[in-house]
Every structure is written in structure tokens, then in C-alpha cells.
């Protein structure tokens, strides 16, 4: 079932508009947000040499969230929605060791989901650049 919110998000994302929306739990907000991103990435990855893509070590999308619970929720949804594609999803937040998270990004992460504080650690350590590398930055 496609919700009205999902139809609206799809059209608005096509023109790169900023969106503010409220809707009840279970109305498809997360899918409306993630599906266009995953679809675009999956299409681009089909056209990109896998070796070259994995050598970039740069996320295509960074999603910032205020809490680790939201990071886990969006990460689980993104993993589920990206199933069957080559889109890779990595998450990190304050209670996770930085080493494994950095290793996951270095292996060729497409979508990087992080709490704002942990993202700033990655930026301050010059492991991720918000200027040079990221092609899409989304916050909730």
C-alpha cells in the first residue's frame, strides 16, 4: 500500500525540496524518506564499476539523527529496504567503538547513519568530510 505521504515525498525529492511533515506512526514516513535514496543509489551502482566505487571510501549519503535509538531504527529500515541491492548501509553512535565503524565506512559505505555527536568525531578525525566527499546530507 502506498500512502499519500510517500507519494508527496517522492515528488518533492525529485526537485530536491526541503520537506517538513508529521504523520502517525506506521504511515510510511521512513520508507518515503529512504526509498528514493536507495533507488537512486541502486541505479547508480548498476552503472558504476564496483572496484572503482569501493576505492572511494566515501559515503554517498549521510543521515544524522539525535539519538542512538533513532539511528538503530533508521538503520534497520534502510538495511531491509536495500536488501537485494548493492547499497551498503553503516551506522554509528556514541556507545559503539569507533574502530569497527571506521572500518565499515572504509570498505565502501553508501549510506552512513550516525548521531550528530559521533558524526562530528568522524569529521574532526578527518575520516569523513562534509565538504569534499558527501553528495547528499540528510538530517531528521
C-alpha atoms as a PDB file:
ATOM      1  CA  UNK A   1       0.000   0.000   0.000  1.00  0.00           C
ATOM      2  CA  UNK A   2       1.346   3.444  -0.928  1.00  0.00           C
ATOM      3  CA  UNK A   3       0.450   6.248   1.460  1.00  0.00           C
ATOM      4  CA  UNK A   4      -0.244   9.840   0.396  1.00  0.00           C
ATOM      5  CA  UNK A   5       2.836  10.931   2.340  1.00  0.00           C
ATOM      6  CA  UNK A   6       5.022   8.590   0.267  1.00  0.00           C
ATOM      7  CA  UNK A   7       3.632   9.982  -2.980  1.00  0.00           C
ATOM      8  CA  UNK A   8       4.291  13.528  -1.791  1.00  0.00           C
ATOM      9  CA  UNK A   9       7.840  12.726  -0.653  1.00  0.00           C
ATOM     10  CA  UNK A  10       8.671  11.083  -3.983  1.00  0.00           C
ATOM     11  CA  UNK A  11       7.612  14.165  -5.930  1.00  0.00           C
ATOM     12  CA  UNK A  12       9.318  16.611  -3.570  1.00  0.00           C
ATOM     13  CA  UNK A  13      12.600  14.668  -3.565  1.00  0.00           C
ATOM     14  CA  UNK A  14      12.640  14.741  -7.367  1.00  0.00           C
ATOM     15  CA  UNK A  15      13.029  18.526  -7.185  1.00  0.00           C
ATOM     16  CA  UNK A  16      15.314  18.423  -4.092  1.00  0.00           C
ATOM     17  CA  UNK A  17      12.848  20.371  -1.958  1.00  0.00           C
ATOM     18  CA  UNK A  18      13.131  20.633   1.814  1.00  0.00           C
ATOM     19  CA  UNK A  19      10.279  18.776   3.472  1.00  0.00           C
ATOM     20  CA  UNK A  20       8.733  19.070   6.920  1.00  0.00           C
ATOM     21  CA  UNK A  21       5.985  16.565   7.641  1.00  0.00           C
ATOM     22  CA  UNK A  22       4.188  14.980  10.533  1.00  0.00           C
ATOM     23  CA  UNK A  23       2.171  11.794  10.290  1.00  0.00           C
ATOM     24  CA  UNK A  24       1.092   8.962  12.575  1.00  0.00           C
ATOM     25  CA  UNK A  25       3.369   6.035  13.375  1.00  0.00           C
ATOM     26  CA  UNK A  26       3.143   3.441  10.630  1.00  0.00           C
ATOM     27  CA  UNK A  27       2.177   5.902   7.905  1.00  0.00           C
ATOM     28  CA  UNK A  28       5.305   5.293   5.825  1.00  0.00           C
ATOM     29  CA  UNK A  29       7.476   8.303   6.694  1.00  0.00           C
ATOM     30  CA  UNK A  30      10.715   6.311   6.876  1.00  0.00           C
ATOM     31  CA  UNK A  31      10.047   4.413   3.655  1.00  0.00           C
ATOM     32  CA  UNK A  32       9.073   7.649   1.911  1.00  0.00           C
ATOM     33  CA  UNK A  33      12.379   9.132   3.016  1.00  0.00           C
ATOM     34  CA  UNK A  34      14.649   6.164   2.285  1.00  0.00           C
ATOM     35  CA  UNK A  35      13.186   4.580  -0.862  1.00  0.00           C
ATOM     36  CA  UNK A  36      14.124   7.415  -3.253  1.00  0.00           C
ATOM     37  CA  UNK A  37      17.658   7.485  -1.813  1.00  0.00           C
ATOM     38  CA  UNK A  38      18.109   3.713  -2.100  1.00  0.00           C
ATOM     39  CA  UNK A  39      16.538   3.650  -5.570  1.00  0.00           C
ATOM     40  CA  UNK A  40      18.881   6.370  -6.832  1.00  0.00           C
ATOM     41  CA  UNK A  41      21.908   4.651  -5.316  1.00  0.00           C
ATOM     42  CA  UNK A  42      20.939   1.234  -6.677  1.00  0.00           C
ATOM     43  CA  UNK A  43      20.555   2.683 -10.176  1.00  0.00           C
ATOM     44  CA  UNK A  44      23.901   4.488  -9.965  1.00  0.00           C
ATOM     45  CA  UNK A  45      25.671   1.410  -8.628  1.00  0.00           C
ATOM     46  CA  UNK A  46      24.487  -0.680 -11.572  1.00  0.00           C
ATOM     47  CA  UNK A  47      26.312   1.772 -13.845  1.00  0.00           C
ATOM     48  CA  UNK A  48      29.458   2.151 -11.729  1.00  0.00           C
ATOM     49  CA  UNK A  49      32.452  -0.143 -11.787  1.00  0.00           C
ATOM     50  CA  UNK A  50      32.359  -1.929  -8.410  1.00  0.00           C
ATOM     51  CA  UNK A  51      36.142  -1.803  -7.979  1.00  0.00           C
ATOM     52  CA  UNK A  52      36.260   1.959  -8.539  1.00  0.00           C
ATOM     53  CA  UNK A  53      33.300   2.551  -6.215  1.00  0.00           C
ATOM     54  CA  UNK A  54      34.837   0.586  -3.357  1.00  0.00           C
ATOM     55  CA  UNK A  55      38.086   2.530  -3.745  1.00  0.00           C
ATOM     56  CA  UNK A  56      36.352   5.826  -2.982  1.00  0.00           C
ATOM     57  CA  UNK A  57      35.820   5.028   0.727  1.00  0.00           C
ATOM     58  CA  UNK A  58      33.223   7.791   0.881  1.00  0.00           C
ATOM     59  CA  UNK A  59      29.567   7.635   1.843  1.00  0.00           C
ATOM     60  CA  UNK A  60      27.143   8.889  -0.776  1.00  0.00           C
ATOM     61  CA  UNK A  61      24.556   9.852   1.848  1.00  0.00           C
ATOM     62  CA  UNK A  62      24.980  10.809   5.495  1.00  0.00           C
ATOM     63  CA  UNK A  63      21.871  10.742   7.675  1.00  0.00           C
ATOM     64  CA  UNK A  64      22.200  12.434  11.071  1.00  0.00           C
ATOM     65  CA  UNK A  65      19.883  11.654  13.975  1.00  0.00           C
ATOM     66  CA  UNK A  66      19.708  12.892  17.561  1.00  0.00           C
ATOM     67  CA  UNK A  67      19.579   9.516  19.372  1.00  0.00           C
ATOM     68  CA  UNK A  68      21.070   6.045  19.090  1.00  0.00           C
ATOM     69  CA  UNK A  69      17.552   4.565  19.158  1.00  0.00           C
ATOM     70  CA  UNK A  70      16.627   6.524  16.023  1.00  0.00           C
ATOM     71  CA  UNK A  71      19.924   5.525  14.400  1.00  0.00           C
ATOM     72  CA  UNK A  72      19.089   1.856  15.037  1.00  0.00           C
ATOM     73  CA  UNK A  73      15.524   2.260  13.749  1.00  0.00           C
ATOM     74  CA  UNK A  74      16.537   4.020  10.518  1.00  0.00           C
ATOM     75  CA  UNK A  75      19.498   1.651  10.033  1.00  0.00           C
ATOM     76  CA  UNK A  76      17.268  -1.435  10.340  1.00  0.00           C
ATOM     77  CA  UNK A  77      14.725   0.043   7.926  1.00  0.00           C
ATOM     78  CA  UNK A  78      17.441   1.045   5.445  1.00  0.00           C
ATOM     79  CA  UNK A  79      19.025  -2.429   5.572  1.00  0.00           C
ATOM     80  CA  UNK A  80      15.632  -4.016   4.930  1.00  0.00           C
ATOM     81  CA  UNK A  81      14.770  -1.641   2.071  1.00  0.00           C
ATOM     82  CA  UNK A  82      18.227  -2.057   0.496  1.00  0.00           C
ATOM     83  CA  UNK A  83      18.048  -5.853   0.616  1.00  0.00           C
ATOM     84  CA  UNK A  84      18.709  -7.336  -2.815  1.00  0.00           C
ATOM     85  CA  UNK A  85      20.707  -4.297  -3.970  1.00  0.00           C
ATOM     86  CA  UNK A  86      24.413  -3.457  -3.751  1.00  0.00           C
ATOM     87  CA  UNK A  87      23.649  -0.470  -1.487  1.00  0.00           C
ATOM     88  CA  UNK A  88      25.653  -0.709   1.739  1.00  0.00           C
ATOM     89  CA  UNK A  89      24.421   0.833   4.985  1.00  0.00           C
ATOM     90  CA  UNK A  90      26.593   1.592   8.033  1.00  0.00           C
ATOM     91  CA  UNK A  91      25.609   3.068  11.390  1.00  0.00           C
ATOM     92  CA  UNK A  92      27.435   4.519  14.365  1.00  0.00           C
ATOM     93  CA  UNK A  93      26.655   6.262  17.635  1.00  0.00           C
ATOM     94  CA  UNK A  94      28.348   7.058  20.929  1.00  0.00           C
ATOM     95  CA  UNK A  95      28.108   3.632  22.564  1.00  0.00           C
ATOM     96  CA  UNK A  96      29.747   1.863  19.608  1.00  0.00           C
ATOM     97  CA  UNK A  97      33.529   1.522  19.239  1.00  0.00           C
ATOM     98  CA  UNK A  98      34.810   3.875  16.517  1.00  0.00           C
ATOM     99  CA  UNK A  99      37.250   1.367  15.000  1.00  0.00           C
ATOM    100  CA  UNK A 100      34.702  -1.061  13.566  1.00  0.00           C
ATOM    101  CA  UNK A 101      32.540   1.839  12.346  1.00  0.00           C
ATOM    102  CA  UNK A 102      35.512   3.404  10.547  1.00  0.00           C
ATOM    103  CA  UNK A 103      36.393   0.041   9.015  1.00  0.00           C
ATOM    104  CA  UNK A 104      32.831  -0.350   7.724  1.00  0.00           C
ATOM    105  CA  UNK A 105      32.913   3.099   6.102  1.00  0.00           C
ATOM    106  CA  UNK A 106      36.333   2.381   4.612  1.00  0.00           C
ATOM    107  CA  UNK A 107      35.027  -0.768   2.934  1.00  0.00           C
ATOM    108  CA  UNK A 108      32.783   1.365   0.734  1.00  0.00           C
ATOM    109  CA  UNK A 109      29.772   2.621   2.651  1.00  0.00           C
ATOM    110  CA  UNK A 110      26.944   4.150   0.575  1.00  0.00           C
ATOM    111  CA  UNK A 111      24.610   5.298   3.365  1.00  0.00           C
ATOM    112  CA  UNK A 112      26.164   6.379   6.664  1.00  0.00           C
ATOM    113  CA  UNK A 113      23.722   6.826   9.565  1.00  0.00           C
ATOM    114  CA  UNK A 114      25.079   8.485  12.705  1.00  0.00           C
ATOM    115  CA  UNK A 115      24.175  10.505  15.737  1.00  0.00           C
ATOM    116  CA  UNK A 116      25.236  14.099  15.346  1.00  0.00           C
ATOM    117  CA  UNK A 117      27.915  13.838  18.041  1.00  0.00           C
ATOM    118  CA  UNK A 118      29.514  10.715  16.574  1.00  0.00           C
ATOM    119  CA  UNK A 119      29.433  12.224  13.082  1.00  0.00           C
ATOM    120  CA  UNK A 120      31.338  15.212  14.438  1.00  0.00           C
ATOM    121  CA  UNK A 121      34.013  12.835  15.815  1.00  0.00           C
ATOM    122  CA  UNK A 122      34.387  11.344  12.321  1.00  0.00           C
ATOM    123  CA  UNK A 123      34.658  14.854  10.840  1.00  0.00           C
ATOM    124  CA  UNK A 124      37.129  16.093  13.491  1.00  0.00           C
ATOM    125  CA  UNK A 125      39.272  12.978  12.947  1.00  0.00           C
ATOM    126  CA  UNK A 126      39.186  13.858   9.222  1.00  0.00           C
ATOM    127  CA  UNK A 127      37.766  10.439   8.433  1.00  0.00           C
ATOM    128  CA  UNK A 128      34.674  11.946   6.789  1.00  0.00           C
ATOM    129  CA  UNK A 129      34.491  15.355   5.139  1.00  0.00           C
ATOM    130  CA  UNK A 130      31.186  17.176   4.908  1.00  0.00           C
ATOM    131  CA  UNK A 131      32.536  19.385   2.137  1.00  0.00           C
ATOM    132  CA  UNK A 132      34.620  17.277  -0.251  1.00  0.00           C
ATOM    133  CA  UNK A 133      33.071  13.841  -0.155  1.00  0.00           C
ATOM    134  CA  UNK A 134      29.386  13.856   0.673  1.00  0.00           C
ATOM    135  CA  UNK A 135      26.973  14.190  -2.192  1.00  0.00           C
ATOM    136  CA  UNK A 136      23.813  14.064  -0.057  1.00  0.00           C
ATOM    137  CA  UNK A 137      23.362  15.071   3.604  1.00  0.00           C
ATOM    138  CA  UNK A 138      20.021  14.422   5.301  1.00  0.00           C
ATOM    139  CA  UNK A 139      19.011  15.118   8.882  1.00  0.00           C
ATOM    140  CA  UNK A 140      15.975  14.163  10.884  1.00  0.00           C
END
